[in-house]
Amino acid sequence: MLIKYKKALEKITMGLLSFIPADLQLSTLQKTVQQYEDNPDWQLYLWKCEEDFVGVIGIEIQELTFAVHHISVNPSFRGEGIGHAMVEKVQELQDPRAMQATERTKDFLEKCWKTTYSI
């Protein structure tokens, strides 16, 4: 289930973002979360499985598009389709905006799109 970020989930969110190799520094994690808190066009969502938060996805909304800037899944839950499910749910929420990848997220999103649109 996709849940919109709120301040009470800050530590959990930072923990999930820390699984992104480029975001290991505490100061980087704090700046990243602050960006999402301060700018209404930047939105974070967490994925909850039963009682645990296991994934996070962060987007920047633009007029006709939205860009996925961050996506991370707890390593213990990788390979279960959670990242793919987060991408699908965020696309549903942002419809009719088109999803865009950033340099950081393009490889993962390309895998999702190939899986979704393969024949």
Protein backbone atom coordinates (compact mmCIF):
# COMPACT_ATOMS: atom_id res chain seq x y z
CA MET A 1 0.00 0.00 0.00
CA LEU A 2 1.32 3.44 -0.96
CA ILE A 3 1.21 6.05 1.83
CA LYS A 4 2.04 9.74 1.44
CA TYR A 5 5.01 10.91 3.53
CA LYS A 6 4.42 12.79 6.75
CA LYS A 7 6.91 14.16 9.27
CA ALA A 8 6.22 11.31 11.73
CA LEU A 9 7.75 8.93 9.15
CA GLU A 10 10.99 10.90 8.76
CA LYS A 11 13.35 8.37 10.39
CA ILE A 12 11.82 5.44 8.51
CA THR A 13 12.06 7.42 5.28
CA MET A 14 15.70 8.30 5.87
CA GLY A 15 16.44 4.65 6.59
CA LEU A 16 14.86 3.57 3.31
CA LEU A 17 16.62 6.32 1.35
CA SER A 18 19.92 5.21 2.87
CA PHE A 19 19.72 2.06 0.72
CA ILE A 20 20.46 4.30 -2.30
CA PRO A 21 24.28 4.19 -2.55
CA ALA A 22 24.65 7.91 -3.33
CA ASP A 23 22.59 8.87 -0.26
CA LEU A 24 24.57 7.23 2.53
CA GLN A 25 25.65 10.41 4.33
CA LEU A 26 23.33 11.62 7.09
CA SER A 27 23.56 15.22 5.88
CA THR A 28 22.58 14.13 2.35
CA LEU A 29 19.59 12.19 3.69
CA GLN A 30 18.47 15.16 5.77
CA LYS A 31 18.73 17.53 2.79
CA THR A 32 16.81 15.10 0.61
CA VAL A 33 13.95 14.76 3.08
CA GLN A 34 13.95 18.53 3.67
CA GLN A 35 13.56 19.11 -0.09
CA TYR A 36 10.40 16.99 -0.06
CA GLU A 37 9.06 18.69 3.08
CA ASP A 38 9.67 22.25 1.83
CA ASN A 39 8.52 22.02 -1.77
CA PRO A 40 4.92 20.98 -2.50
CA ASP A 41 5.92 19.90 -6.02
CA TRP A 42 8.25 17.27 -4.51
CA GLN A 43 6.32 14.36 -3.02
CA LEU A 44 7.43 11.26 -1.15
CA TYR A 45 5.48 8.04 -0.78
CA LEU A 46 6.25 5.00 1.34
CA TRP A 47 5.22 1.42 0.60
CA LYS A 48 3.81 -0.54 3.51
CA CYS A 49 3.59 -4.34 3.57
CA GLU A 50 1.50 -5.53 6.50
CA GLU A 51 3.14 -3.72 9.45
CA ASP A 52 6.45 -2.67 7.86
CA PHE A 53 7.44 0.21 5.62
CA VAL A 54 9.67 -1.41 3.00
CA GLY A 55 10.00 1.07 0.15
CA VAL A 56 10.08 4.75 -0.74
CA ILE A 57 9.56 6.67 -3.97
CA GLY A 58 10.06 10.39 -4.46
CA ILE A 59 8.76 12.47 -7.35
CA GLU A 60 8.83 16.03 -8.63
CA ILE A 61 5.57 17.16 -10.19
CA GLN A 62 5.58 19.44 -13.21
CA GLU A 63 2.71 20.70 -15.32
CA LEU A 64 2.50 17.81 -17.81
CA THR A 65 5.01 15.37 -16.38
CA PHE A 66 6.51 14.13 -13.17
CA ALA A 67 10.04 12.91 -12.56
CA VAL A 68 10.99 10.02 -10.30
CA HIS A 69 14.02 11.23 -8.35
CA HIS A 70 14.32 8.53 -5.69
CA ILE A 71 13.21 4.93 -5.43
CA SER A 72 14.42 2.42 -2.89
CA VAL A 73 13.32 -0.90 -1.41
CA ASN A 74 14.65 -2.51 1.75
CA PRO A 75 17.13 -5.18 0.56
CA SER A 76 15.25 -7.86 2.51
CA PHE A 77 12.21 -7.25 0.28
CA ARG A 78 13.88 -6.84 -3.11
CA GLY A 79 12.86 -9.12 -5.91
CA GLU A 80 9.21 -9.17 -4.76
CA GLY A 81 7.94 -6.56 -7.23
CA ILE A 82 7.60 -3.77 -4.65
CA GLY A 83 9.57 -1.23 -6.69
CA HIS A 84 7.48 -2.03 -9.74
CA ALA A 85 4.26 -1.72 -7.70
CA MET A 86 5.33 1.69 -6.34
CA VAL A 87 6.01 2.93 -9.87
CA GLU A 88 2.59 1.73 -11.06
CA LYS A 89 0.73 3.30 -8.12
CA VAL A 90 2.51 6.64 -8.47
CA GLN A 91 1.70 6.64 -12.19
CA GLU A 92 -1.97 6.04 -11.34
CA LEU A 93 -1.93 8.92 -8.83
CA GLN A 94 -0.32 11.31 -11.32
CA ASP A 95 -2.38 10.33 -14.36
CA PRO A 96 -2.54 11.93 -16.96
CA ARG A 97 0.99 13.29 -16.33
CA ALA A 98 3.74 11.34 -18.07
CA MET A 99 6.44 9.75 -15.95
CA GLN A 100 10.05 10.75 -16.54
CA ALA A 101 13.23 9.23 -15.22
CA THR A 102 16.25 11.04 -13.88
CA GLU A 103 19.81 9.89 -14.46
CA ARG A 104 19.64 8.12 -11.10
CA THR A 105 16.35 6.29 -11.75
CA LYS A 106 16.43 5.63 -15.49
CA ASP A 107 17.85 2.09 -15.35
CA PHE A 108 15.27 0.90 -12.84
CA LEU A 109 12.37 2.60 -14.61
CA GLU A 110 13.44 1.13 -17.96
CA LYS A 111 13.25 -2.34 -16.36
CA CYS A 112 9.76 -1.55 -15.06
CA TRP A 113 8.58 -0.30 -18.45
CA LYS A 114 10.00 -3.34 -20.26
CA THR A 115 8.21 -5.65 -17.84
CA THR A 116 4.95 -3.73 -18.15
CA TYR A 117 4.97 -3.43 -21.93
CA SER A 118 6.70 -6.62 -23.04
CA ILE A 119 4.76 -8.94 -25.35
